N, C-alpha and C. Protein backbone atom coordinates (compact mmCIF):
# COMPACT_ATOMS: atom_id res chain seq x y z
N MET A 1 0.85 -1.20 0.00
CA MET A 1 0.00 0.00 0.00
C MET A 1 0.88 1.25 0.00
N ASN A 2 0.50 2.22 -0.83
CA ASN A 2 1.27 3.46 -0.92
C ASN A 2 1.15 4.27 0.37
N ALA A 3 2.19 5.05 0.66
CA ALA A 3 2.15 5.93 1.83
C ALA A 3 1.05 6.97 1.60
N PRO A 4 0.34 7.38 2.67
CA PRO A 4 -0.72 8.37 2.49
C PRO A 4 -0.17 9.73 2.07
N THR A 5 -0.99 10.49 1.36
CA THR A 5 -0.65 11.87 0.99
C THR A 5 -0.63 12.72 2.25
N ARG A 6 0.46 13.43 2.46
CA ARG A 6 0.64 14.21 3.68
C ARG A 6 0.14 15.64 3.45
N VAL A 7 -0.81 16.07 4.26
CA VAL A 7 -1.51 17.34 4.05
C VAL A 7 -1.27 18.29 5.23
N LEU A 8 -1.02 19.55 4.91
CA LEU A 8 -0.96 20.62 5.92
C LEU A 8 -2.18 21.50 5.73
N VAL A 9 -2.92 21.74 6.80
CA VAL A 9 -4.14 22.56 6.74
C VAL A 9 -3.86 23.93 7.34
N CYS A 10 -4.16 24.98 6.59
CA CYS A 10 -3.92 26.34 7.07
C CYS A 10 -5.18 27.19 6.89
N ASP A 11 -5.79 27.58 8.01
CA ASP A 11 -6.98 28.42 8.00
C ASP A 11 -7.05 29.14 9.33
N ASP A 12 -7.40 30.43 9.32
CA ASP A 12 -7.39 31.17 10.57
C ASP A 12 -8.63 30.91 11.44
N GLN A 13 -9.61 30.17 10.93
CA GLN A 13 -10.78 29.81 11.73
C GLN A 13 -10.61 28.40 12.29
N ALA A 14 -10.53 28.31 13.61
CA ALA A 14 -10.28 27.03 14.27
C ALA A 14 -11.31 25.97 13.90
N LEU A 15 -12.56 26.38 13.78
CA LEU A 15 -13.63 25.44 13.46
C LEU A 15 -13.42 24.82 12.08
N ILE A 16 -13.02 25.63 11.12
CA ILE A 16 -12.78 25.13 9.77
C ILE A 16 -11.55 24.24 9.76
N ARG A 17 -10.49 24.65 10.46
CA ARG A 17 -9.29 23.80 10.56
C ARG A 17 -9.64 22.42 11.10
N THR A 18 -10.42 22.41 12.18
CA THR A 18 -10.80 21.15 12.80
C THR A 18 -11.66 20.31 11.85
N GLY A 19 -12.60 20.97 11.19
CA GLY A 19 -13.47 20.27 10.25
C GLY A 19 -12.69 19.64 9.11
N PHE A 20 -11.80 20.42 8.48
CA PHE A 20 -10.98 19.90 7.39
C PHE A 20 -10.10 18.74 7.87
N THR A 21 -9.49 18.92 9.04
CA THR A 21 -8.60 17.89 9.59
C THR A 21 -9.36 16.59 9.82
N THR A 22 -10.56 16.69 10.39
CA THR A 22 -11.37 15.51 10.66
C THR A 22 -11.75 14.78 9.38
N ILE A 23 -12.18 15.54 8.37
CA ILE A 23 -12.58 14.95 7.08
C ILE A 23 -11.39 14.27 6.40
N ILE A 24 -10.25 14.95 6.40
CA ILE A 24 -9.07 14.43 5.69
C ILE A 24 -8.50 13.21 6.41
N ASP A 25 -8.38 13.29 7.73
CA ASP A 25 -7.78 12.19 8.50
C ASP A 25 -8.63 10.92 8.48
N ALA A 26 -9.89 11.04 8.13
CA ALA A 26 -10.76 9.86 8.08
C ALA A 26 -10.49 9.01 6.84
N GLN A 27 -9.68 9.54 5.91
CA GLN A 27 -9.40 8.83 4.67
C GLN A 27 -8.11 8.00 4.80
N PRO A 28 -8.13 6.74 4.40
CA PRO A 28 -6.94 5.90 4.54
C PRO A 28 -5.76 6.35 3.69
N ASP A 29 -6.04 7.10 2.61
CA ASP A 29 -4.95 7.52 1.72
C ASP A 29 -4.47 8.94 1.99
N LEU A 30 -5.03 9.59 3.01
CA LEU A 30 -4.65 10.97 3.34
C LEU A 30 -4.29 11.07 4.81
N GLU A 31 -3.37 12.01 5.13
CA GLU A 31 -2.94 12.18 6.52
C GLU A 31 -2.63 13.66 6.77
N VAL A 32 -3.24 14.25 7.78
CA VAL A 32 -2.93 15.63 8.16
C VAL A 32 -1.68 15.61 9.05
N VAL A 33 -0.62 16.26 8.59
CA VAL A 33 0.63 16.26 9.35
C VAL A 33 0.80 17.52 10.18
N GLY A 34 -0.07 18.52 9.95
CA GLY A 34 0.00 19.75 10.72
C GLY A 34 -1.14 20.67 10.39
N ALA A 35 -1.43 21.61 11.30
CA ALA A 35 -2.48 22.60 11.07
C ALA A 35 -2.04 23.90 11.72
N CYS A 36 -2.41 25.02 11.08
CA CYS A 36 -2.00 26.32 11.61
C CYS A 36 -2.99 27.39 11.19
N GLY A 37 -2.83 28.61 11.75
CA GLY A 37 -3.83 29.65 11.55
C GLY A 37 -3.36 30.90 10.84
N ASP A 38 -2.13 30.89 10.32
CA ASP A 38 -1.69 32.06 9.54
C ASP A 38 -0.67 31.63 8.49
N GLY A 39 -0.47 32.48 7.50
CA GLY A 39 0.38 32.14 6.38
C GLY A 39 1.84 31.93 6.74
N GLN A 40 2.36 32.72 7.66
CA GLN A 40 3.76 32.55 8.05
C GLN A 40 3.98 31.19 8.71
N ALA A 41 3.03 30.80 9.57
CA ALA A 41 3.12 29.48 10.20
C ALA A 41 3.05 28.38 9.15
N ALA A 42 2.25 28.60 8.11
CA ALA A 42 2.14 27.61 7.03
C ALA A 42 3.47 27.45 6.32
N VAL A 43 4.13 28.56 6.03
CA VAL A 43 5.43 28.51 5.36
C VAL A 43 6.45 27.80 6.24
N ASP A 44 6.50 28.17 7.52
CA ASP A 44 7.46 27.56 8.45
C ASP A 44 7.21 26.06 8.60
N LEU A 45 5.93 25.70 8.80
CA LEU A 45 5.59 24.29 8.98
C LEU A 45 5.85 23.47 7.72
N ALA A 46 5.52 24.04 6.57
CA ALA A 46 5.71 23.32 5.30
C ALA A 46 7.20 23.04 5.07
N ARG A 47 8.03 24.01 5.40
CA ARG A 47 9.48 23.81 5.22
C ARG A 47 10.03 22.78 6.20
N ARG A 48 9.39 22.68 7.36
CA ARG A 48 9.86 21.73 8.37
C ARG A 48 9.28 20.34 8.16
N LEU A 49 7.99 20.27 7.81
CA LEU A 49 7.30 18.98 7.73
C LEU A 49 7.30 18.38 6.32
N ASN A 50 7.57 19.21 5.31
CA ASN A 50 7.62 18.75 3.93
C ASN A 50 6.35 17.99 3.51
N PRO A 51 5.17 18.62 3.63
CA PRO A 51 3.93 17.94 3.22
C PRO A 51 3.87 17.80 1.71
N ASP A 52 2.98 16.93 1.25
CA ASP A 52 2.77 16.79 -0.20
C ASP A 52 1.90 17.92 -0.73
N LEU A 53 1.07 18.49 0.16
CA LEU A 53 0.11 19.50 -0.27
C LEU A 53 -0.31 20.37 0.91
N VAL A 54 -0.55 21.64 0.64
CA VAL A 54 -1.07 22.56 1.65
C VAL A 54 -2.47 23.00 1.24
N VAL A 55 -3.44 22.83 2.14
CA VAL A 55 -4.78 23.39 1.95
C VAL A 55 -4.73 24.78 2.57
N MET A 56 -4.85 25.81 1.74
CA MET A 56 -4.53 27.18 2.15
C MET A 56 -5.73 28.13 2.08
N ASP A 57 -6.01 28.80 3.18
CA ASP A 57 -6.98 29.89 3.19
C ASP A 57 -6.33 31.12 2.55
N VAL A 58 -7.12 32.13 2.23
CA VAL A 58 -6.56 33.33 1.60
C VAL A 58 -6.36 34.45 2.62
N ARG A 59 -7.42 34.87 3.27
CA ARG A 59 -7.32 35.99 4.21
C ARG A 59 -6.95 35.47 5.60
N MET A 60 -5.71 35.78 6.02
CA MET A 60 -5.24 35.33 7.32
C MET A 60 -4.32 36.39 7.92
N PRO A 61 -4.13 36.36 9.23
CA PRO A 61 -3.23 37.33 9.88
C PRO A 61 -1.76 36.97 9.62
N VAL A 62 -0.89 37.89 10.00
CA VAL A 62 0.58 37.76 9.91
C VAL A 62 1.05 37.74 8.46
N LEU A 63 0.63 36.73 7.70
CA LEU A 63 0.97 36.63 6.28
C LEU A 63 -0.24 36.02 5.58
N ASP A 64 -0.74 36.68 4.53
CA ASP A 64 -1.94 36.14 3.89
C ASP A 64 -1.60 34.93 3.02
N GLY A 65 -2.65 34.23 2.60
CA GLY A 65 -2.47 33.01 1.85
C GLY A 65 -1.82 33.20 0.50
N ILE A 66 -1.99 34.38 -0.10
CA ILE A 66 -1.38 34.66 -1.41
C ILE A 66 0.13 34.71 -1.28
N GLU A 67 0.61 35.47 -0.30
CA GLU A 67 2.06 35.59 -0.12
C GLU A 67 2.66 34.27 0.34
N ALA A 68 1.92 33.56 1.20
CA ALA A 68 2.40 32.25 1.65
C ALA A 68 2.51 31.29 0.47
N THR A 69 1.52 31.34 -0.43
CA THR A 69 1.55 30.50 -1.63
C THR A 69 2.75 30.85 -2.50
N ARG A 70 3.00 32.13 -2.65
CA ARG A 70 4.15 32.57 -3.47
C ARG A 70 5.47 32.04 -2.90
N LEU A 71 5.57 32.04 -1.57
CA LEU A 71 6.80 31.57 -0.92
C LEU A 71 6.95 30.05 -1.01
N LEU A 72 5.82 29.36 -1.09
CA LEU A 72 5.87 27.89 -1.13
C LEU A 72 5.84 27.31 -2.54
N ALA A 73 5.20 28.02 -3.47
CA ALA A 73 4.97 27.42 -4.79
C ALA A 73 5.26 28.36 -5.95
N GLY A 74 5.73 29.55 -5.66
CA GLY A 74 5.93 30.55 -6.71
C GLY A 74 7.16 30.31 -7.56
N ALA A 75 7.30 31.17 -8.57
CA ALA A 75 8.44 31.07 -9.48
C ALA A 75 9.75 31.17 -8.70
N GLY A 76 10.68 30.30 -9.02
CA GLY A 76 11.99 30.37 -8.39
C GLY A 76 12.12 29.61 -7.09
N VAL A 77 11.01 29.05 -6.59
CA VAL A 77 11.08 28.26 -5.34
C VAL A 77 11.78 26.94 -5.67
N GLU A 78 12.82 26.62 -4.91
CA GLU A 78 13.65 25.45 -5.23
C GLU A 78 12.89 24.13 -5.08
N HIS A 79 12.14 24.00 -3.99
CA HIS A 79 11.36 22.78 -3.77
C HIS A 79 9.90 23.17 -3.55
N PRO A 80 9.17 23.46 -4.64
CA PRO A 80 7.79 23.94 -4.49
C PRO A 80 6.86 22.90 -3.88
N VAL A 81 5.90 23.39 -3.12
CA VAL A 81 4.88 22.54 -2.50
C VAL A 81 3.56 22.80 -3.23
N LYS A 82 2.79 21.77 -3.48
CA LYS A 82 1.49 21.97 -4.12
C LYS A 82 0.55 22.66 -3.14
N VAL A 83 -0.19 23.65 -3.64
CA VAL A 83 -1.11 24.42 -2.80
C VAL A 83 -2.51 24.37 -3.39
N LEU A 84 -3.47 23.99 -2.56
CA LEU A 84 -4.89 24.03 -2.92
C LEU A 84 -5.54 25.13 -2.10
N VAL A 85 -5.99 26.17 -2.75
CA VAL A 85 -6.60 27.32 -2.07
C VAL A 85 -8.07 27.05 -1.81
N VAL A 86 -8.52 27.34 -0.59
CA VAL A 86 -9.95 27.27 -0.28
C VAL A 86 -10.39 28.63 0.22
N THR A 87 -11.52 29.10 -0.26
CA THR A 87 -11.94 30.44 0.11
C THR A 87 -13.44 30.59 -0.05
N THR A 88 -13.97 31.69 0.44
CA THR A 88 -15.36 32.03 0.19
C THR A 88 -15.44 32.71 -1.17
N PHE A 89 -16.57 32.55 -1.86
CA PHE A 89 -16.64 33.01 -3.24
C PHE A 89 -16.51 34.52 -3.39
N ASN A 90 -16.88 35.28 -2.35
CA ASN A 90 -16.77 36.73 -2.49
C ASN A 90 -15.32 37.21 -2.44
N LEU A 91 -14.39 36.27 -2.28
CA LEU A 91 -12.97 36.64 -2.31
C LEU A 91 -12.32 36.17 -3.59
N ASP A 92 -13.11 36.00 -4.67
CA ASP A 92 -12.55 35.39 -5.87
C ASP A 92 -11.41 36.17 -6.49
N GLU A 93 -11.37 37.49 -6.27
CA GLU A 93 -10.23 38.26 -6.80
C GLU A 93 -8.94 37.81 -6.12
N TYR A 94 -9.04 37.53 -4.83
CA TYR A 94 -7.85 37.06 -4.11
C TYR A 94 -7.43 35.68 -4.62
N VAL A 95 -8.40 34.87 -4.97
CA VAL A 95 -8.07 33.55 -5.49
C VAL A 95 -7.32 33.67 -6.81
N TYR A 96 -7.75 34.61 -7.66
CA TYR A 96 -7.03 34.82 -8.92
C TYR A 96 -5.57 35.15 -8.63
N GLU A 97 -5.34 36.02 -7.65
CA GLU A 97 -3.96 36.37 -7.30
C GLU A 97 -3.22 35.16 -6.75
N ALA A 98 -3.91 34.31 -6.01
CA ALA A 98 -3.28 33.10 -5.47
C ALA A 98 -2.88 32.15 -6.59
N LEU A 99 -3.72 32.04 -7.61
CA LEU A 99 -3.39 31.20 -8.75
C LEU A 99 -2.16 31.74 -9.47
N ARG A 100 -2.09 33.04 -9.61
CA ARG A 100 -0.90 33.65 -10.20
C ARG A 100 0.33 33.41 -9.35
N ALA A 101 0.12 33.31 -8.04
CA ALA A 101 1.24 33.12 -7.12
C ALA A 101 1.77 31.69 -7.13
N GLY A 102 1.04 30.76 -7.76
CA GLY A 102 1.55 29.41 -7.88
C GLY A 102 0.64 28.31 -7.36
N ALA A 103 -0.56 28.66 -6.89
CA ALA A 103 -1.48 27.63 -6.42
C ALA A 103 -1.86 26.70 -7.57
N SER A 104 -2.10 25.45 -7.25
CA SER A 104 -2.46 24.46 -8.28
C SER A 104 -3.96 24.33 -8.46
N GLY A 105 -4.73 25.01 -7.62
CA GLY A 105 -6.17 24.93 -7.78
C GLY A 105 -6.90 25.64 -6.66
N PHE A 106 -8.21 25.67 -6.75
CA PHE A 106 -8.99 26.32 -5.70
C PHE A 106 -10.32 25.61 -5.53
N LEU A 107 -10.83 25.71 -4.32
CA LEU A 107 -12.16 25.21 -3.99
C LEU A 107 -12.86 26.25 -3.13
N LEU A 108 -14.16 26.19 -3.10
CA LEU A 108 -14.92 27.07 -2.23
C LEU A 108 -15.11 26.39 -0.88
N LYS A 109 -15.16 27.19 0.19
CA LYS A 109 -15.27 26.62 1.53
C LYS A 109 -16.58 25.88 1.76
N ASP A 110 -17.60 26.22 0.99
CA ASP A 110 -18.88 25.52 1.18
C ASP A 110 -19.01 24.30 0.27
N ALA A 111 -17.90 23.90 -0.35
CA ALA A 111 -17.93 22.70 -1.19
C ALA A 111 -18.19 21.46 -0.33
N PRO A 112 -18.88 20.46 -0.86
CA PRO A 112 -19.11 19.23 -0.10
C PRO A 112 -17.79 18.55 0.26
N ALA A 113 -17.80 17.75 1.31
CA ALA A 113 -16.59 17.06 1.76
C ALA A 113 -15.96 16.22 0.64
N ALA A 114 -16.81 15.56 -0.14
CA ALA A 114 -16.30 14.72 -1.24
C ALA A 114 -15.51 15.54 -2.25
N GLN A 115 -15.96 16.79 -2.48
CA GLN A 115 -15.28 17.66 -3.43
C GLN A 115 -13.92 18.10 -2.87
N LEU A 116 -13.87 18.37 -1.58
CA LEU A 116 -12.60 18.72 -0.94
C LEU A 116 -11.61 17.57 -1.08
N LEU A 117 -12.05 16.36 -0.78
CA LEU A 117 -11.17 15.20 -0.84
C LEU A 117 -10.72 14.93 -2.27
N ASN A 118 -11.64 15.07 -3.22
CA ASN A 118 -11.28 14.90 -4.63
C ASN A 118 -10.26 15.96 -5.05
N GLY A 119 -10.47 17.20 -4.57
CA GLY A 119 -9.54 18.28 -4.90
C GLY A 119 -8.15 18.01 -4.37
N ILE A 120 -8.06 17.53 -3.15
CA ILE A 120 -6.76 17.22 -2.55
C ILE A 120 -6.06 16.13 -3.35
N ARG A 121 -6.81 15.08 -3.68
CA ARG A 121 -6.21 13.96 -4.43
C ARG A 121 -5.78 14.41 -5.83
N THR A 122 -6.61 15.24 -6.47
CA THR A 122 -6.31 15.71 -7.82
C THR A 122 -5.03 16.53 -7.84
N VAL A 123 -4.93 17.50 -6.94
CA VAL A 123 -3.75 18.38 -6.90
C VAL A 123 -2.52 17.60 -6.46
N ALA A 124 -2.67 16.71 -5.47
CA ALA A 124 -1.54 15.91 -4.99
C ALA A 124 -0.98 15.02 -6.10
N ALA A 125 -1.85 14.60 -7.01
CA ALA A 125 -1.43 13.73 -8.12
C ALA A 125 -0.72 14.51 -9.22
N GLY A 126 -0.67 15.84 -9.07
CA GLY A 126 0.04 16.66 -10.05
C GLY A 126 -0.85 17.32 -11.08
N ALA A 127 -2.16 17.16 -10.93
CA ALA A 127 -3.08 17.81 -11.87
C ALA A 127 -3.56 19.14 -11.27
N ALA A 128 -4.08 19.98 -12.14
CA ALA A 128 -4.62 21.26 -11.67
C ALA A 128 -6.11 21.12 -11.41
N LEU A 129 -6.60 21.91 -10.48
CA LEU A 129 -8.03 21.87 -10.17
C LEU A 129 -8.58 23.29 -10.27
N LEU A 130 -9.18 23.59 -11.41
CA LEU A 130 -9.82 24.89 -11.60
C LEU A 130 -11.24 24.60 -12.04
N ALA A 131 -12.16 24.68 -11.10
CA ALA A 131 -13.54 24.27 -11.35
C ALA A 131 -14.08 24.95 -12.61
N PRO A 132 -14.39 24.20 -13.67
CA PRO A 132 -14.83 24.80 -14.92
C PRO A 132 -16.04 25.70 -14.77
N GLU A 133 -16.98 25.33 -13.86
CA GLU A 133 -18.22 26.09 -13.77
C GLU A 133 -18.03 27.49 -13.21
N VAL A 134 -16.89 27.77 -12.59
CA VAL A 134 -16.69 29.12 -12.06
C VAL A 134 -15.48 29.81 -12.68
N THR A 135 -14.85 29.18 -13.67
CA THR A 135 -13.67 29.79 -14.29
C THR A 135 -13.99 31.17 -14.86
N ARG A 136 -15.09 31.24 -15.61
CA ARG A 136 -15.42 32.53 -16.24
C ARG A 136 -15.66 33.60 -15.18
N GLN A 137 -16.38 33.23 -14.11
CA GLN A 137 -16.67 34.21 -13.07
C GLN A 137 -15.41 34.60 -12.31
N LEU A 138 -14.54 33.62 -12.09
CA LEU A 138 -13.34 33.87 -11.31
C LEU A 138 -12.34 34.75 -12.04
N VAL A 139 -11.91 34.31 -13.22
CA VAL A 139 -10.88 35.03 -13.95
C VAL A 139 -11.48 36.09 -14.86
N GLY A 140 -12.60 35.74 -15.52
CA GLY A 140 -13.19 36.66 -16.47
C GLY A 140 -13.61 37.97 -15.85
N ARG A 141 -14.11 37.92 -14.62
CA ARG A 141 -14.58 39.12 -13.94
C ARG A 141 -13.45 40.14 -13.75
N TYR A 142 -12.23 39.63 -13.64
CA TYR A 142 -11.10 40.52 -13.38
C TYR A 142 -10.20 40.70 -14.59
N ALA A 143 -10.62 40.13 -15.73
CA ALA A 143 -9.79 40.21 -16.93
C ALA A 143 -9.52 41.66 -17.33
N ALA A 144 -10.51 42.54 -17.15
CA ALA A 144 -10.34 43.94 -17.54
C ALA A 144 -9.27 44.63 -16.71
N ARG A 145 -9.03 44.13 -15.50
CA ARG A 145 -8.03 44.76 -14.63
C ARG A 145 -6.63 44.20 -14.86
N ILE A 146 -6.56 43.07 -15.59
CA ILE A 146 -5.27 42.44 -15.79
C ILE A 146 -4.59 43.11 -16.98
N ARG A 147 -3.46 43.73 -16.74
CA ARG A 147 -2.76 44.39 -17.83
C ARG A 147 -2.18 43.33 -18.76
N PRO A 148 -2.55 43.34 -20.05
CA PRO A 148 -1.98 42.36 -20.97
C PRO A 148 -0.46 42.47 -21.01
N ALA A 149 0.19 41.33 -21.19
CA ALA A 149 1.65 41.32 -21.26
C ALA A 149 2.11 42.08 -22.50
N GLU A 150 3.35 42.52 -22.49
CA GLU A 150 3.94 43.24 -23.63
C GLU A 150 3.84 42.38 -24.88
N GLY A 151 3.38 42.99 -25.96
CA GLY A 151 3.25 42.23 -27.20
C GLY A 151 2.24 41.11 -27.08
N SER A 152 1.09 41.40 -26.45
CA SER A 152 0.10 40.35 -26.20
C SER A 152 -0.43 39.78 -27.51
N GLY A 153 -1.05 38.63 -27.41
CA GLY A 153 -1.58 37.96 -28.58
C GLY A 153 -1.11 36.52 -28.65
N GLY A 154 -0.33 36.11 -27.66
CA GLY A 154 0.07 34.71 -27.62
C GLY A 154 1.47 34.49 -28.11
N ASP A 155 1.96 33.30 -27.87
CA ASP A 155 3.31 32.93 -28.26
C ASP A 155 3.30 32.46 -29.70
N PRO A 156 4.18 33.03 -30.54
CA PRO A 156 4.18 32.66 -31.96
C PRO A 156 4.54 31.20 -32.21
N SER A 157 5.10 30.52 -31.20
CA SER A 157 5.48 29.11 -31.39
C SER A 157 4.28 28.18 -31.35
N LEU A 158 3.14 28.68 -30.88
CA LEU A 158 1.94 27.85 -30.83
C LEU A 158 1.31 27.72 -32.22
N THR A 159 0.87 26.52 -32.54
CA THR A 159 0.16 26.33 -33.80
C THR A 159 -1.27 26.87 -33.65
N ARG A 160 -1.97 26.97 -34.77
CA ARG A 160 -3.35 27.47 -34.73
C ARG A 160 -4.21 26.58 -33.84
N ARG A 161 -4.05 25.26 -33.96
CA ARG A 161 -4.87 24.35 -33.17
C ARG A 161 -4.50 24.43 -31.68
N GLU A 162 -3.23 24.56 -31.36
CA GLU A 162 -2.80 24.71 -29.96
C GLU A 162 -3.40 25.97 -29.35
N LEU A 163 -3.46 27.03 -30.15
CA LEU A 163 -4.04 28.29 -29.70
C LEU A 163 -5.54 28.11 -29.44
N GLU A 164 -6.21 27.37 -30.30
CA GLU A 164 -7.64 27.07 -30.10
C GLU A 164 -7.85 26.32 -28.79
N VAL A 165 -7.01 25.33 -28.54
CA VAL A 165 -7.13 24.53 -27.31
C VAL A 165 -6.88 25.41 -26.10
N LEU A 166 -5.89 26.29 -26.18
CA LEU A 166 -5.58 27.18 -25.06
C LEU A 166 -6.77 28.09 -24.75
N ARG A 167 -7.41 28.62 -25.78
CA ARG A 167 -8.57 29.50 -25.56
C ARG A 167 -9.72 28.72 -24.91
N LEU A 168 -9.91 27.48 -25.32
CA LEU A 168 -10.99 26.66 -24.75
C LEU A 168 -10.69 26.28 -23.30
N ILE A 169 -9.43 26.02 -22.99
CA ILE A 169 -9.03 25.78 -21.59
C ILE A 169 -9.38 27.01 -20.76
N ALA A 170 -9.02 28.17 -21.27
CA ALA A 170 -9.27 29.42 -20.55
C ALA A 170 -10.75 29.71 -20.40
N ASP A 171 -11.55 29.13 -21.29
CA ASP A 171 -13.00 29.33 -21.22
C ASP A 171 -13.65 28.33 -20.27
N GLY A 172 -12.82 27.50 -19.62
CA GLY A 172 -13.34 26.60 -18.60
C GLY A 172 -13.77 25.23 -19.09
N LEU A 173 -13.43 24.87 -20.32
CA LEU A 173 -13.85 23.58 -20.86
C LEU A 173 -12.93 22.45 -20.39
N SER A 174 -13.53 21.29 -20.13
CA SER A 174 -12.75 20.10 -19.78
C SER A 174 -12.18 19.49 -21.06
N ASN A 175 -11.29 18.50 -20.92
CA ASN A 175 -10.75 17.83 -22.11
C ASN A 175 -11.85 17.22 -22.96
N GLY A 176 -12.85 16.62 -22.31
CA GLY A 176 -13.96 16.02 -23.04
C GLY A 176 -14.74 17.05 -23.84
N GLU A 177 -14.98 18.21 -23.22
CA GLU A 177 -15.73 19.27 -23.90
C GLU A 177 -14.91 19.87 -25.05
N ILE A 178 -13.60 19.99 -24.84
CA ILE A 178 -12.73 20.50 -25.92
C ILE A 178 -12.74 19.51 -27.08
N ALA A 179 -12.66 18.21 -26.77
CA ALA A 179 -12.69 17.18 -27.81
C ALA A 179 -13.98 17.27 -28.63
N ALA A 180 -15.11 17.45 -27.93
CA ALA A 180 -16.40 17.54 -28.62
C ALA A 180 -16.48 18.80 -29.48
N THR A 181 -15.96 19.91 -28.94
CA THR A 181 -16.00 21.18 -29.68
C THR A 181 -15.17 21.13 -30.95
N LEU A 182 -13.98 20.54 -30.86
CA LEU A 182 -13.06 20.51 -32.00
C LEU A 182 -13.19 19.24 -32.84
N VAL A 183 -14.08 18.33 -32.40
CA VAL A 183 -14.32 17.05 -33.08
C VAL A 183 -13.01 16.27 -33.23
N ILE A 184 -12.33 16.09 -32.10
CA ILE A 184 -11.11 15.29 -32.04
C ILE A 184 -11.21 14.40 -30.80
N SER A 185 -10.29 13.46 -30.65
CA SER A 185 -10.34 12.55 -29.51
C SER A 185 -9.78 13.23 -28.26
N GLN A 186 -10.16 12.70 -27.08
CA GLN A 186 -9.62 13.24 -25.83
C GLN A 186 -8.12 13.03 -25.74
N GLU A 187 -7.62 11.92 -26.29
CA GLU A 187 -6.18 11.68 -26.29
C GLU A 187 -5.44 12.75 -27.09
N THR A 188 -6.05 13.16 -28.21
CA THR A 188 -5.45 14.22 -29.02
C THR A 188 -5.45 15.54 -28.25
N VAL A 189 -6.54 15.80 -27.53
CA VAL A 189 -6.61 17.01 -26.71
C VAL A 189 -5.49 17.00 -25.67
N LYS A 190 -5.30 15.86 -25.00
CA LYS A 190 -4.24 15.74 -23.99
C LYS A 190 -2.88 16.03 -24.59
N THR A 191 -2.67 15.55 -25.82
CA THR A 191 -1.39 15.79 -26.51
C THR A 191 -1.20 17.28 -26.77
N TYR A 192 -2.25 17.95 -27.25
CA TYR A 192 -2.17 19.39 -27.49
C TYR A 192 -1.91 20.16 -26.20
N VAL A 193 -2.60 19.77 -25.13
CA VAL A 193 -2.43 20.45 -23.84
C VAL A 193 -1.00 20.31 -23.35
N SER A 194 -0.47 19.08 -23.38
CA SER A 194 0.90 18.84 -22.94
C SER A 194 1.89 19.65 -23.76
N ARG A 195 1.66 19.70 -25.07
CA ARG A 195 2.58 20.38 -25.98
C ARG A 195 2.58 21.90 -25.73
N LEU A 196 1.38 22.48 -25.58
CA LEU A 196 1.33 23.93 -25.40
C LEU A 196 1.87 24.33 -24.03
N LEU A 197 1.65 23.51 -23.01
CA LEU A 197 2.21 23.81 -21.68
C LEU A 197 3.73 23.80 -21.75
N ALA A 198 4.28 22.81 -22.46
CA ALA A 198 5.73 22.71 -22.58
C ALA A 198 6.31 23.90 -23.36
N LYS A 199 5.64 24.27 -24.46
CA LYS A 199 6.13 25.39 -25.28
C LYS A 199 6.12 26.71 -24.50
N LEU A 200 5.09 26.90 -23.66
CA LEU A 200 4.95 28.16 -22.93
C LEU A 200 5.63 28.13 -21.57
N GLY A 201 6.17 26.97 -21.20
CA GLY A 201 6.85 26.86 -19.91
C GLY A 201 5.88 26.97 -18.74
N LEU A 202 4.66 26.44 -18.92
CA LEU A 202 3.63 26.52 -17.89
C LEU A 202 3.51 25.18 -17.18
N ARG A 203 3.17 25.23 -15.89
CA ARG A 203 3.12 24.01 -15.09
C ARG A 203 1.84 23.22 -15.29
N ASP A 204 0.71 23.91 -15.45
CA ASP A 204 -0.56 23.20 -15.49
C ASP A 204 -1.64 24.08 -16.14
N ARG A 205 -2.87 23.55 -16.17
CA ARG A 205 -3.99 24.24 -16.82
C ARG A 205 -4.31 25.57 -16.13
N VAL A 206 -4.12 25.61 -14.82
CA VAL A 206 -4.38 26.85 -14.09
C VAL A 206 -3.50 27.98 -14.62
N GLN A 207 -2.21 27.68 -14.75
CA GLN A 207 -1.31 28.69 -15.29
C GLN A 207 -1.66 29.04 -16.73
N ALA A 208 -2.18 28.07 -17.47
CA ALA A 208 -2.59 28.32 -18.86
C ALA A 208 -3.74 29.32 -18.92
N VAL A 209 -4.69 29.20 -17.99
CA VAL A 209 -5.80 30.15 -17.93
C VAL A 209 -5.29 31.56 -17.66
N VAL A 210 -4.42 31.69 -16.67
CA VAL A 210 -3.86 33.00 -16.33
C VAL A 210 -3.09 33.56 -17.53
N TYR A 211 -2.29 32.72 -18.18
CA TYR A 211 -1.50 33.16 -19.35
C TYR A 211 -2.43 33.69 -20.44
N ALA A 212 -3.51 32.96 -20.71
CA ALA A 212 -4.42 33.35 -21.78
C ALA A 212 -5.05 34.72 -21.52
N TYR A 213 -5.45 34.96 -20.27
CA TYR A 213 -6.05 36.26 -19.94
C TYR A 213 -5.01 37.38 -19.97
N ARG A 214 -3.84 37.10 -19.46
CA ARG A 214 -2.81 38.15 -19.41
C ARG A 214 -2.31 38.52 -20.80
N ASN A 215 -2.42 37.60 -21.75
CA ASN A 215 -1.95 37.87 -23.09
C ASN A 215 -3.07 38.22 -24.06
N GLY A 216 -4.26 38.52 -23.49
CA GLY A 216 -5.35 39.01 -24.32
C GLY A 216 -5.94 37.99 -25.26
N LEU A 217 -5.71 36.69 -25.00
CA LEU A 217 -6.25 35.66 -25.88
C LEU A 217 -7.72 35.40 -25.60
N VAL A 218 -8.17 35.77 -24.40
CA VAL A 218 -9.57 35.62 -24.00
C VAL A 218 -10.01 36.94 -23.38
N THR A 219 -11.23 37.35 -23.71
CA THR A 219 -11.73 38.60 -23.11
C THR A 219 -13.08 38.34 -22.49
């Protein structure tokens, strides 16, 4: 049997910390190795305990979840830790910033327990978790405030079809939905996704969404 996924829970509300810990620890494949109430403690604990994943709140004292995420998973971090952001929906602008800071996904605090557990397993496995049903509301709402990168319009190394796939990812479509839209197989979609991520130097679909908005590929 594989070793359980080691999880660090960080939320400034004790009740939520306890609830998340109880739900996660009840799973045979998951283990909570620590819990804390502010971003600085999360950074310190993560560096000491080396968890596989941090469940991170956004608004916290001492150091907020965005800055903590940047320190744990941002560009240039030597040993990045996977971060799953959980927040209330009225803080979606902060979640966008957390995704830019290096988070691998986000969930809402009122999500069912099964969704939390699925999110932890998905992110721990190396996949991104950006709920398609709220992608437009999350990133699209703030697209007007995001200054497009210099020379926006996308990377010239992308083929026309790769660019199409990137736009559909940014529009919140799953691989299955992209396959149906472009009338190609899901395996072909996966190949395009892998190729465009590699060409753009992006880690996952979450970063692809941010890239697309910042470069004016989606409005």
